[in-house]
Amino acid sequence: KSLFMIDQANAVPEGMVLDTFKIRVPANWDKNNNYTLSPD
């Protein structure tokens, strides 16, 4: 599952449609805050 929450303090620039950007998200996260990304 994936859910993004955008900070209201820095509004999305006019003309930018966020859901057109497809990005990788974390798949693993260790105690040193190193992480790997999902292929999805």
Full PDB file with SEQRES, HELIX, SHEET, SSBOND, CRYST1, ORIGX, SCALE, CONECT and MASTER records, all heavy atoms in Angstrom:
SEQRES   1 A   40  LYS SER LEU PHE MET ILE ASP GLN ALA ASN ALA VAL PRO          
SEQRES   2 A   40  GLU GLY MET VAL LEU ASP THR PHE LYS ILE ARG VAL PRO          
SEQRES   3 A   40  ALA ASN TRP ASP LYS ASN ASN ASN TYR THR LEU SER PRO          
SEQRES   4 A   40  ASP                                                          
HELIX    1 AA1 LEU A   18  THR A   20  5                                   3    
SHEET    1 AA1 2 PRO A  26  TRP A  29  0                                        
SHEET    2 AA1 2 TYR A  35  LEU A  37 -1                                        
CRYST1    1.000    1.000    1.000  90.00  90.00  90.00 P 1           1          
ORIGX1      1.000000  0.000000  0.000000        0.00000                         
ORIGX2      0.000000  1.000000  0.000000        0.00000                         
ORIGX3      0.000000  0.000000  1.000000        0.00000                         
SCALE1      1.000000  0.000000  0.000000        0.00000                         
SCALE2      0.000000  1.000000  0.000000        0.00000                         
SCALE3      0.000000  0.000000  1.000000        0.00000                         
ATOM      1  N   LYS A   1       0.830  -1.201   0.000  1.00  0.00           N  
ATOM      2  CA  LYS A   1       0.000   0.000   0.000  1.00  0.00           C  
ATOM      3  C   LYS A   1       0.866   1.253   0.000  1.00  0.00           C  
ATOM      4  O   LYS A   1       2.004   1.244   0.468  1.00  0.00           O  
ATOM      5  CB  LYS A   1      -0.933  -0.006   1.214  1.00  0.00           C  
ATOM      6  CG  LYS A   1      -1.904  -1.185   1.239  1.00  0.00           C  
ATOM      7  CD  LYS A   1      -2.809  -1.135   2.452  1.00  0.00           C  
ATOM      8  CE  LYS A   1      -3.782  -2.304   2.466  1.00  0.00           C  
ATOM      9  NZ  LYS A   1      -4.693  -2.257   3.643  1.00  0.00           N  
ATOM     10  N   SER A   2       0.294   2.339  -0.508  1.00  0.00           N  
ATOM     11  CA  SER A   2       1.007   3.612  -0.567  1.00  0.00           C  
ATOM     12  C   SER A   2       0.024   4.757  -0.399  1.00  0.00           C  
ATOM     13  O   SER A   2      -1.049   4.768  -1.001  1.00  0.00           O  
ATOM     14  CB  SER A   2       1.747   3.754  -1.908  1.00  0.00           C  
ATOM     15  OG  SER A   2       2.326   5.037  -2.043  1.00  0.00           O  
ATOM     16  N   LEU A   3       0.412   5.728   0.425  1.00  0.00           N  
ATOM     17  CA  LEU A   3      -0.394   6.934   0.628  1.00  0.00           C  
ATOM     18  C   LEU A   3       0.536   8.107   0.928  1.00  0.00           C  
ATOM     19  O   LEU A   3       1.349   8.036   1.857  1.00  0.00           O  
ATOM     20  CB  LEU A   3      -1.380   6.745   1.786  1.00  0.00           C  
ATOM     21  CG  LEU A   3      -2.183   7.979   2.191  1.00  0.00           C  
ATOM     22  CD1 LEU A   3      -3.111   8.418   1.067  1.00  0.00           C  
ATOM     23  CD2 LEU A   3      -2.978   7.721   3.468  1.00  0.00           C  
ATOM     24  N   PHE A   4       0.451   9.155   0.138  1.00  0.00           N  
ATOM     25  CA  PHE A   4       1.233  10.367   0.357  1.00  0.00           C  
ATOM     26  C   PHE A   4       0.353  11.438   0.995  1.00  0.00           C  
ATOM     27  O   PHE A   4      -0.812  11.590   0.634  1.00  0.00           O  
ATOM     28  CB  PHE A   4       1.788  10.905  -0.965  1.00  0.00           C  
ATOM     29  CG  PHE A   4       2.894  10.065  -1.551  1.00  0.00           C  
ATOM     30  CD1 PHE A   4       2.608   9.066  -2.463  1.00  0.00           C  
ATOM     31  CD2 PHE A   4       4.209  10.285  -1.186  1.00  0.00           C  
ATOM     32  CE1 PHE A   4       3.617   8.287  -3.009  1.00  0.00           C  
ATOM     33  CE2 PHE A   4       5.232   9.516  -1.724  1.00  0.00           C  
ATOM     34  CZ  PHE A   4       4.933   8.512  -2.637  1.00  0.00           C  
ATOM     35  N   MET A   5       0.945  12.187   1.925  1.00  0.00           N  
ATOM     36  CA  MET A   5       0.277  13.339   2.534  1.00  0.00           C  
ATOM     37  C   MET A   5       1.178  14.551   2.314  1.00  0.00           C  
ATOM     38  O   MET A   5       2.349  14.538   2.703  1.00  0.00           O  
ATOM     39  CB  MET A   5       0.025  13.092   4.023  1.00  0.00           C  
ATOM     40  CG  MET A   5      -0.930  11.937   4.288  1.00  0.00           C  
ATOM     41  SD  MET A   5      -1.253  11.673   6.066  1.00  0.00           S  
ATOM     42  CE  MET A   5       0.366  11.135   6.603  1.00  0.00           C  
ATOM     43  N   ILE A   6       0.650  15.575   1.691  1.00  0.00           N  
ATOM     44  CA  ILE A   6       1.435  16.744   1.304  1.00  0.00           C  
ATOM     45  C   ILE A   6       1.355  17.814   2.388  1.00  0.00           C  
ATOM     46  O   ILE A   6       0.271  18.113   2.892  1.00  0.00           O  
ATOM     47  CB  ILE A   6       0.929  17.327  -0.034  1.00  0.00           C  
ATOM     48  CG1 ILE A   6       0.822  16.215  -1.096  1.00  0.00           C  
ATOM     49  CG2 ILE A   6       1.850  18.443  -0.510  1.00  0.00           C  
ATOM     50  CD1 ILE A   6       2.120  15.511  -1.383  1.00  0.00           C  
ATOM     51  N   ASP A   7       2.507  18.380   2.749  1.00  0.00           N  
ATOM     52  CA  ASP A   7       2.523  19.489   3.701  1.00  0.00           C  
ATOM     53  C   ASP A   7       1.792  20.694   3.113  1.00  0.00           C  
ATOM     54  O   ASP A   7       2.049  21.092   1.975  1.00  0.00           O  
ATOM     55  CB  ASP A   7       3.964  19.896   4.029  1.00  0.00           C  
ATOM     56  CG  ASP A   7       4.662  18.881   4.925  1.00  0.00           C  
ATOM     57  OD1 ASP A   7       3.956  18.105   5.590  1.00  0.00           O  
ATOM     58  OD2 ASP A   7       5.911  18.864   4.949  1.00  0.00           O  
ATOM     59  N   GLN A   8       0.930  21.291   3.895  1.00  0.00           N  
ATOM     60  CA  GLN A   8       0.202  22.466   3.441  1.00  0.00           C  
ATOM     61  C   GLN A   8       1.069  23.725   3.487  1.00  0.00           C  
ATOM     62  O   GLN A   8       0.763  24.729   2.844  1.00  0.00           O  
ATOM     63  CB  GLN A   8      -1.049  22.668   4.302  1.00  0.00           C  
ATOM     64  CG  GLN A   8      -2.033  21.512   4.209  1.00  0.00           C  
ATOM     65  CD  GLN A   8      -2.510  21.264   2.790  1.00  0.00           C  
ATOM     66  OE1 GLN A   8      -2.877  22.208   2.088  1.00  0.00           O  
ATOM     67  NE2 GLN A   8      -2.507  20.014   2.369  1.00  0.00           N  
ATOM     68  N   ALA A   9       2.170  23.660   4.244  1.00  0.00           N  
ATOM     69  CA  ALA A   9       3.031  24.836   4.396  1.00  0.00           C  
ATOM     70  C   ALA A   9       3.707  25.230   3.089  1.00  0.00           C  
ATOM     71  O   ALA A   9       3.969  26.401   2.836  1.00  0.00           O  
ATOM     72  CB  ALA A   9       4.080  24.581   5.472  1.00  0.00           C  
ATOM     73  N   ASN A  10       4.026  24.234   2.269  1.00  0.00           N  
ATOM     74  CA  ASN A  10       4.624  24.550   0.962  1.00  0.00           C  
ATOM     75  C   ASN A  10       3.706  24.018  -0.130  1.00  0.00           C  
ATOM     76  O   ASN A  10       3.812  22.878  -0.551  1.00  0.00           O  
ATOM     77  CB  ASN A  10       6.045  23.977   0.827  1.00  0.00           C  
ATOM     78  CG  ASN A  10       6.107  22.511   1.223  1.00  0.00           C  
ATOM     79  OD1 ASN A  10       5.068  21.874   1.403  1.00  0.00           O  
ATOM     80  ND2 ASN A  10       7.299  21.971   1.354  1.00  0.00           N  
ATOM     81  N   ALA A  11       2.830  24.863  -0.597  1.00  0.00           N  
ATOM     82  CA  ALA A  11       1.791  24.460  -1.543  1.00  0.00           C  
ATOM     83  C   ALA A  11       2.401  23.970  -2.850  1.00  0.00           C  
ATOM     84  O   ALA A  11       3.495  24.371  -3.248  1.00  0.00           O  
ATOM     85  CB  ALA A  11       0.850  25.624  -1.815  1.00  0.00           C  
ATOM     86  N   VAL A  12       1.674  23.076  -3.506  1.00  0.00           N  
ATOM     87  CA  VAL A  12       2.101  22.557  -4.807  1.00  0.00           C  
ATOM     88  C   VAL A  12       2.091  23.700  -5.821  1.00  0.00           C  
ATOM     89  O   VAL A  12       1.115  24.449  -5.905  1.00  0.00           O  
ATOM     90  CB  VAL A  12       1.167  21.423  -5.261  1.00  0.00           C  
ATOM     91  CG1 VAL A  12       1.556  20.943  -6.648  1.00  0.00           C  
ATOM     92  CG2 VAL A  12       1.207  20.278  -4.256  1.00  0.00           C  
ATOM     93  N   PRO A  13       3.162  23.873  -6.590  1.00  0.00           N  
ATOM     94  CA  PRO A  13       3.212  24.962  -7.578  1.00  0.00           C  
ATOM     95  C   PRO A  13       2.065  24.879  -8.576  1.00  0.00           C  
ATOM     96  O   PRO A  13       1.606  23.788  -8.936  1.00  0.00           O  
ATOM     97  CB  PRO A  13       4.561  24.735  -8.270  1.00  0.00           C  
ATOM     98  CG  PRO A  13       5.377  23.979  -7.284  1.00  0.00           C  
ATOM     99  CD  PRO A  13       4.412  23.097  -6.544  1.00  0.00           C  
ATOM    100  N   GLU A  14       1.601  26.037  -9.009  1.00  0.00           N  
ATOM    101  CA  GLU A  14       0.513  26.094  -9.974  1.00  0.00           C  
ATOM    102  C   GLU A  14       0.921  25.404 -11.269  1.00  0.00           C  
ATOM    103  O   GLU A  14       2.031  25.595 -11.772  1.00  0.00           O  
ATOM    104  CB  GLU A  14       0.151  27.549 -10.270  1.00  0.00           C  
ATOM    105  CG  GLU A  14      -1.046  27.707 -11.190  1.00  0.00           C  
ATOM    106  CD  GLU A  14      -1.403  29.162 -11.406  1.00  0.00           C  
ATOM    107  OE1 GLU A  14      -0.746  30.034 -10.817  1.00  0.00           O  
ATOM    108  OE2 GLU A  14      -2.344  29.414 -12.185  1.00  0.00           O  
ATOM    109  N   GLY A  15       0.044  24.598 -11.801  1.00  0.00           N  
ATOM    110  CA  GLY A  15       0.314  23.880 -13.042  1.00  0.00           C  
ATOM    111  C   GLY A  15       0.911  22.511 -12.848  1.00  0.00           C  
ATOM    112  O   GLY A  15       1.033  21.752 -13.812  1.00  0.00           O  
ATOM    113  N   MET A  16       1.289  22.138 -11.620  1.00  0.00           N  
ATOM    114  CA  MET A  16       1.863  20.817 -11.361  1.00  0.00           C  
ATOM    115  C   MET A  16       0.765  19.841 -10.964  1.00  0.00           C  
ATOM    116  O   MET A  16      -0.009  20.118 -10.039  1.00  0.00           O  
ATOM    117  CB  MET A  16       2.919  20.888 -10.260  1.00  0.00           C  
ATOM    118  CG  MET A  16       3.568  19.527  -9.961  1.00  0.00           C  
ATOM    119  SD  MET A  16       4.722  19.612  -8.547  1.00  0.00           S  
ATOM    120  CE  MET A  16       5.986  20.688  -9.209  1.00  0.00           C  
ATOM    121  N   VAL A  17       0.685  18.727 -11.648  1.00  0.00           N  
ATOM    122  CA  VAL A  17      -0.291  17.690 -11.341  1.00  0.00           C  
ATOM    123  C   VAL A  17       0.470  16.524 -10.723  1.00  0.00           C  
ATOM    124  O   VAL A  17       1.126  15.741 -11.409  1.00  0.00           O  
ATOM    125  CB  VAL A  17      -1.044  17.239 -12.609  1.00  0.00           C  
ATOM    126  CG1 VAL A  17      -2.120  16.219 -12.251  1.00  0.00           C  
ATOM    127  CG2 VAL A  17      -1.660  18.441 -13.316  1.00  0.00           C  
ATOM    128  N   LEU A  18       0.397  16.403  -9.405  1.00  0.00           N  
ATOM    129  CA  LEU A  18       1.255  15.455  -8.697  1.00  0.00           C  
ATOM    130  C   LEU A  18       1.016  14.006  -9.089  1.00  0.00           C  
ATOM    131  O   LEU A  18       1.955  13.218  -9.187  1.00  0.00           O  
ATOM    132  CB  LEU A  18       1.065  15.623  -7.185  1.00  0.00           C  
ATOM    133  CG  LEU A  18       1.718  16.850  -6.551  1.00  0.00           C  
ATOM    134  CD1 LEU A  18       1.448  16.862  -5.055  1.00  0.00           C  
ATOM    135  CD2 LEU A  18       3.214  16.871  -6.814  1.00  0.00           C  
ATOM    136  N   ASP A  19      -0.248  13.628  -9.309  1.00  0.00           N  
ATOM    137  CA  ASP A  19      -0.501  12.215  -9.550  1.00  0.00           C  
ATOM    138  C   ASP A  19      -0.040  11.736 -10.925  1.00  0.00           C  
ATOM    139  O   ASP A  19      -0.201  10.565 -11.267  1.00  0.00           O  
ATOM    140  CB  ASP A  19      -1.976  11.860  -9.325  1.00  0.00           C  
ATOM    141  CG  ASP A  19      -2.919  12.608 -10.248  1.00  0.00           C  
ATOM    142  OD1 ASP A  19      -2.431  13.284 -11.188  1.00  0.00           O  
ATOM    143  OD2 ASP A  19      -4.139  12.534 -10.042  1.00  0.00           O  
ATOM    144  N   THR A  20       0.544  12.621 -11.733  1.00  0.00           N  
ATOM    145  CA  THR A  20       1.139  12.173 -12.993  1.00  0.00           C  
ATOM    146  C   THR A  20       2.572  11.685 -12.790  1.00  0.00           C  
ATOM    147  O   THR A  20       3.154  11.117 -13.702  1.00  0.00           O  
ATOM    148  CB  THR A  20       1.151  13.306 -14.031  1.00  0.00           C  
ATOM    149  OG1 THR A  20       1.936  14.397 -13.542  1.00  0.00           O  
ATOM    150  CG2 THR A  20      -0.254  13.787 -14.321  1.00  0.00           C  
ATOM    151  N   PHE A  21       3.128  11.896 -11.592  1.00  0.00           N  
ATOM    152  CA  PHE A  21       4.482  11.442 -11.304  1.00  0.00           C  
ATOM    153  C   PHE A  21       4.425  10.059 -10.660  1.00  0.00           C  
ATOM    154  O   PHE A  21       3.786   9.867  -9.624  1.00  0.00           O  
ATOM    155  CB  PHE A  21       5.196  12.423 -10.373  1.00  0.00           C  
ATOM    156  CG  PHE A  21       5.427  13.771 -10.987  1.00  0.00           C  
ATOM    157  CD1 PHE A  21       4.499  14.790 -10.829  1.00  0.00           C  
ATOM    158  CD2 PHE A  21       6.559  14.024 -11.732  1.00  0.00           C  
ATOM    159  CE1 PHE A  21       4.697  16.041 -11.397  1.00  0.00           C  
ATOM    160  CE2 PHE A  21       6.769  15.271 -12.309  1.00  0.00           C  
ATOM    161  CZ  PHE A  21       5.839  16.279 -12.136  1.00  0.00           C  
ATOM    162  N   LYS A  22       5.095   9.099 -11.249  1.00  0.00           N  
ATOM    163  CA  LYS A  22       5.147   7.736 -10.728  1.00  0.00           C  
ATOM    164  C   LYS A  22       6.519   7.518 -10.099  1.00  0.00           C  
ATOM    165  O   LYS A  22       7.548   7.664 -10.756  1.00  0.00           O  
ATOM    166  CB  LYS A  22       4.911   6.717 -11.843  1.00  0.00           C  
ATOM    167  CG  LYS A  22       3.633   6.953 -12.661  1.00  0.00           C  
ATOM    168  CD  LYS A  22       2.390   6.827 -11.796  1.00  0.00           C  
ATOM    169  CE  LYS A  22       1.112   6.820 -12.627  1.00  0.00           C  
ATOM    170  NZ  LYS A  22       0.875   8.040 -13.390  1.00  0.00           N  
ATOM    171  N   ILE A  23       6.542   7.170  -8.820  1.00  0.00           N  
ATOM    172  CA  ILE A  23       7.807   7.075  -8.111  1.00  0.00           C  
ATOM    173  C   ILE A  23       7.901   5.781  -7.310  1.00  0.00           C  
ATOM    174  O   ILE A  23       6.901   5.152  -6.972  1.00  0.00           O  
ATOM    175  CB  ILE A  23       8.004   8.277  -7.165  1.00  0.00           C  
ATOM    176  CG1 ILE A  23       6.932   8.281  -6.075  1.00  0.00           C  
ATOM    177  CG2 ILE A  23       7.973   9.591  -7.928  1.00  0.00           C  
ATOM    178  CD1 ILE A  23       7.135   9.360  -5.047  1.00  0.00           C  
ATOM    179  N   ARG A  24       9.137   5.400  -7.004  1.00  0.00           N  
ATOM    180  CA  ARG A  24       9.396   4.235  -6.160  1.00  0.00           C  
ATOM    181  C   ARG A  24       9.325   4.651  -4.697  1.00  0.00           C  
ATOM    182  O   ARG A  24       9.626   5.787  -4.344  1.00  0.00           O  
ATOM    183  CB  ARG A  24      10.762   3.641  -6.498  1.00  0.00           C  
ATOM    184  CG  ARG A  24      10.838   3.093  -7.922  1.00  0.00           C  
ATOM    185  CD  ARG A  24      12.267   2.722  -8.283  1.00  0.00           C  
ATOM    186  NE  ARG A  24      12.733   1.579  -7.495  1.00  0.00           N  
ATOM    187  CZ  ARG A  24      13.991   1.134  -7.523  1.00  0.00           C  
ATOM    188  NH1 ARG A  24      14.898   1.760  -8.264  1.00  0.00           N  
ATOM    189  NH2 ARG A  24      14.347   0.087  -6.793  1.00  0.00           N  
ATOM    190  N   VAL A  25       8.936   3.701  -3.868  1.00  0.00           N  
ATOM    191  CA  VAL A  25       8.760   3.974  -2.439  1.00  0.00           C  
ATOM    192  C   VAL A  25       9.592   2.971  -1.639  1.00  0.00           C  
ATOM    193  O   VAL A  25      10.052   1.959  -2.172  1.00  0.00           O  
ATOM    194  CB  VAL A  25       7.273   3.877  -2.049  1.00  0.00           C  
ATOM    195  CG1 VAL A  25       6.453   4.939  -2.773  1.00  0.00           C  
ATOM    196  CG2 VAL A  25       6.724   2.482  -2.354  1.00  0.00           C  
ATOM    197  N   PRO A  26       9.817   3.218  -0.341  1.00  0.00           N  
ATOM    198  CA  PRO A  26      10.645   2.299   0.456  1.00  0.00           C  
ATOM    199  C   PRO A  26      10.087   0.887   0.511  1.00  0.00           C  
ATOM    200  O   PRO A  26       8.877   0.667   0.555  1.00  0.00           O  
ATOM    201  CB  PRO A  26      10.641   2.958   1.848  1.00  0.00           C  
ATOM    202  CG  PRO A  26      10.429   4.410   1.573  1.00  0.00           C  
ATOM    203  CD  PRO A  26       9.464   4.442   0.415  1.00  0.00           C  
ATOM    204  N   ALA A  27      11.033  -0.078   0.536  1.00  0.00           N  
ATOM    205  CA  ALA A  27      10.666  -1.489   0.684  1.00  0.00           C  
ATOM    206  C   ALA A  27      11.288  -2.089   1.935  1.00  0.00           C  
ATOM    207  O   ALA A  27      10.767  -3.059   2.480  1.00  0.00           O  
ATOM    208  CB  ALA A  27      11.109  -2.286  -0.548  1.00  0.00           C  
ATOM    209  N   ASN A  28      12.408  -1.531   2.387  1.00  0.00           N  
ATOM    210  CA  ASN A  28      13.067  -1.950   3.623  1.00  0.00           C  
ATOM    211  C   ASN A  28      13.660  -0.722   4.294  1.00  0.00           C  
ATOM    212  O   ASN A  28      14.038   0.246   3.620  1.00  0.00           O  
ATOM    213  CB  ASN A  28      14.175  -2.977   3.347  1.00  0.00           C  
ATOM    214  CG  ASN A  28      13.619  -4.363   3.144  1.00  0.00           C  
ATOM    215  OD1 ASN A  28      13.065  -4.965   4.056  1.00  0.00           O  
ATOM    216  ND2 ASN A  28      13.762  -4.887   1.934  1.00  0.00           N  
ATOM    217  N   TRP A  29      13.761  -0.797   5.624  1.00  0.00           N  
ATOM    218  CA  TRP A  29      14.315   0.331   6.385  1.00  0.00           C  
ATOM    219  C   TRP A  29      15.006  -0.262   7.616  1.00  0.00           C  
ATOM    220  O   TRP A  29      14.384  -0.995   8.393  1.00  0.00           O  
ATOM    221  CB  TRP A  29      13.192   1.263   6.815  1.00  0.00           C  
ATOM    222  CG  TRP A  29      13.638   2.640   7.201  1.00  0.00           C  
ATOM    223  CD1 TRP A  29      14.356   2.984   8.322  1.00  0.00           C  
ATOM    224  CD2 TRP A  29      13.407   3.857   6.489  1.00  0.00           C  
ATOM    225  NE1 TRP A  29      14.580   4.332   8.342  1.00  0.00           N  
ATOM    226  CE2 TRP A  29      14.008   4.903   7.226  1.00  0.00           C  
ATOM    227  CE3 TRP A  29      12.742   4.176   5.308  1.00  0.00           C  
ATOM    228  CZ2 TRP A  29      13.966   6.229   6.834  1.00  0.00           C  
ATOM    229  CZ3 TRP A  29      12.703   5.495   4.896  1.00  0.00           C  
ATOM    230  CH2 TRP A  29      13.309   6.517   5.654  1.00  0.00           C  
ATOM    231  N   ASP A  30      16.313   0.050   7.799  1.00  0.00           N  
ATOM    232  CA  ASP A  30      17.023  -0.531   8.934  1.00  0.00           C  
ATOM    233  C   ASP A  30      17.185   0.481  10.073  1.00  0.00           C  
ATOM    234  O   ASP A  30      16.768   1.633   9.962  1.00  0.00           O  
ATOM    235  CB  ASP A  30      18.374  -1.118   8.511  1.00  0.00           C  
ATOM    236  CG  ASP A  30      19.387  -0.053   8.100  1.00  0.00           C  
ATOM    237  OD1 ASP A  30      19.170   1.137   8.391  1.00  0.00           O  
ATOM    238  OD2 ASP A  30      20.401  -0.417   7.478  1.00  0.00           O  
ATOM    239  N   LYS A  31      17.801   0.025  11.163  1.00  0.00           N  
ATOM    240  CA  LYS A  31      17.917   0.871  12.364  1.00  0.00           C  
ATOM    241  C   LYS A  31      18.830   2.069  12.156  1.00  0.00           C  
ATOM    242  O   LYS A  31      18.796   3.019  12.951  1.00  0.00           O  
ATOM    243  CB  LYS A  31      18.419   0.032  13.540  1.00  0.00           C  
ATOM    244  CG  LYS A  31      19.787  -0.591  13.314  1.00  0.00           C  
ATOM    245  CD  LYS A  31      20.188  -1.448  14.501  1.00  0.00           C  
ATOM    246  CE  LYS A  31      21.560  -2.079  14.284  1.00  0.00           C  
ATOM    247  NZ  LYS A  31      21.935  -2.932  15.438  1.00  0.00           N  
ATOM    248  N   ASN A  32      19.655   2.035  11.108  1.00  0.00           N  
ATOM    249  CA  ASN A  32      20.530   3.165  10.795  1.00  0.00           C  
ATOM    250  C   ASN A  32      19.897   4.123   9.789  1.00  0.00           C  
ATOM    251  O   ASN A  32      20.569   5.005   9.249  1.00  0.00           O  
ATOM    252  CB  ASN A  32      21.869   2.653  10.258  1.00  0.00           C  
ATOM    253  CG  ASN A  32      22.628   1.835  11.284  1.00  0.00           C  
ATOM    254  OD1 ASN A  32      22.695   2.205  12.456  1.00  0.00           O  
ATOM    255  ND2 ASN A  32      23.176   0.698  10.859  1.00  0.00           N  
ATOM    256  N   ASN A  33      18.611   3.920   9.511  1.00  0.00           N  
ATOM    257  CA  ASN A  33      17.860   4.749   8.568  1.00  0.00           C  
ATOM    258  C   ASN A  33      18.361   4.628   7.136  1.00  0.00           C  
ATOM    259  O   ASN A  33      18.212   5.549   6.331  1.00  0.00           O  
ATOM    260  CB  ASN A  33      17.848   6.221   8.995  1.00  0.00           C  
ATOM    261  CG  ASN A  33      16.985   6.446  10.222  1.00  0.00           C  
ATOM    262  OD1 ASN A  33      16.000   5.740  10.434  1.00  0.00           O  
ATOM    263  ND2 ASN A  33      17.359   7.407  11.046  1.00  0.00           N  
ATOM    264  N   ASN A  34      18.988   3.495   6.832  1.00  0.00           N  
ATOM    265  CA  ASN A  34      19.270   3.158   5.438  1.00  0.00           C  
ATOM    266  C   ASN A  34      18.060   2.418   4.887  1.00  0.00           C  
ATOM    267  O   ASN A  34      17.392   1.663   5.608  1.00  0.00           O  
ATOM    268  CB  ASN A  34      20.509   2.277   5.327  1.00  0.00           C  
ATOM    269  CG  ASN A  34      21.749   2.962   5.853  1.00  0.00           C  
ATOM    270  OD1 ASN A  34      21.930   4.163   5.669  1.00  0.00           O  
ATOM    271  ND2 ASN A  34      22.601   2.212   6.532  1.00  0.00           N  
ATOM    272  N   TYR A  35      17.769   2.595   3.619  1.00  0.00           N  
ATOM    273  CA  TYR A  35      16.589   1.953   3.060  1.00  0.00           C  
ATOM    274  C   TYR A  35      16.828   1.536   1.612  1.00  0.00           C  
ATOM    275  O   TYR A  35      17.717   2.043   0.932  1.00  0.00           O  
ATOM    276  CB  TYR A  35      15.357   2.863   3.153  1.00  0.00           C  
ATOM    277  CG  TYR A  35      15.507   4.203   2.464  1.00  0.00           C  
ATOM    278  CD1 TYR A  35      15.168   4.365   1.120  1.00  0.00           C  
ATOM    279  CD2 TYR A  35      15.976   5.308   3.161  1.00  0.00           C  
ATOM    280  CE1 TYR A  35      15.296   5.596   0.489  1.00  0.00           C  
ATOM    281  CE2 TYR A  35      16.097   6.542   2.546  1.00  0.00           C  
ATOM    282  CZ  TYR A  35      15.759   6.682   1.207  1.00  0.00           C  
ATOM    283  OH  TYR A  35      15.874   7.889   0.588  1.00  0.00           O  
ATOM    284  N   THR A  36      16.030   0.594   1.183  1.00  0.00           N  
ATOM    285  CA  THR A  36      15.996   0.194  -0.213  1.00  0.00           C  
ATOM    286  C   THR A  36      14.631   0.538  -0.769  1.00  0.00           C  
ATOM    287  O   THR A  36      13.656   0.726  -0.030  1.00  0.00           O  
ATOM    288  CB  THR A  36      16.269  -1.311  -0.382  1.00  0.00           C  
ATOM    289  OG1 THR A  36      15.279  -2.044   0.350  1.00  0.00           O  
ATOM    290  CG2 THR A  36      17.648  -1.687   0.128  1.00  0.00           C  
ATOM    291  N   LEU A  37      14.546   0.601  -2.095  1.00  0.00           N  
ATOM    292  CA  LEU A  37      13.303   0.990  -2.747  1.00  0.00           C  
ATOM    293  C   LEU A  37      12.615  -0.204  -3.399  1.00  0.00           C  
ATOM    294  O   LEU A  37      13.263  -1.133  -3.879  1.00  0.00           O  
ATOM    295  CB  LEU A  37      13.574   2.058  -3.807  1.00  0.00           C  
ATOM    296  CG  LEU A  37      14.096   3.389  -3.289  1.00  0.00           C  
ATOM    297  CD1 LEU A  37      14.360   4.336  -4.452  1.00  0.00           C  
ATOM    298  CD2 LEU A  37      13.127   4.009  -2.300  1.00  0.00           C  
ATOM    299  N   SER A  38      11.315  -0.139  -3.413  1.00  0.00           N  
ATOM    300  CA  SER A  38      10.515  -1.162  -4.069  1.00  0.00           C  
ATOM    301  C   SER A  38      10.622  -1.024  -5.586  1.00  0.00           C  
ATOM    302  O   SER A  38      10.731   0.089  -6.105  1.00  0.00           O  
ATOM    303  CB  SER A  38       9.053  -1.015  -3.655  1.00  0.00           C  
ATOM    304  OG  SER A  38       8.199  -1.759  -4.491  1.00  0.00           O  
ATOM    305  N   PRO A  39      10.580  -2.134  -6.326  1.00  0.00           N  
ATOM    306  CA  PRO A  39      10.521  -2.027  -7.787  1.00  0.00           C  
ATOM    307  C   PRO A  39       9.179  -1.480  -8.269  1.00  0.00           C  
ATOM    308  O   PRO A  39       9.069  -0.993  -9.392  1.00  0.00           O  
ATOM    309  CB  PRO A  39      10.731  -3.470  -8.256  1.00  0.00           C  
ATOM    310  CG  PRO A  39      10.288  -4.312  -7.103  1.00  0.00           C  
ATOM    311  CD  PRO A  39      10.638  -3.528  -5.876  1.00  0.00           C  
ATOM    312  N   ASP A  40       8.164  -1.545  -7.425  1.00  0.00           N  
ATOM    313  CA  ASP A  40       6.849  -1.019  -7.789  1.00  0.00           C  
ATOM    314  C   ASP A  40       6.855   0.502  -7.724  1.00  0.00           C  
ATOM    315  O   ASP A  40       7.527   1.099  -6.883  1.00  0.00           O  
ATOM    316  CB  ASP A  40       5.773  -1.553  -6.837  1.00  0.00           C  
ATOM    317  CG  ASP A  40       5.698  -3.067  -6.846  1.00  0.00           C  
ATOM    318  OD1 ASP A  40       5.643  -3.636  -7.943  1.00  0.00           O  
ATOM    319  OD2 ASP A  40       5.707  -3.669  -5.756  1.00  0.00           O  
TER     320      ASP A  40                                                      
MASTER        0    0    0    1    2    0    0    6  319    1    0    4          
END                                                                             
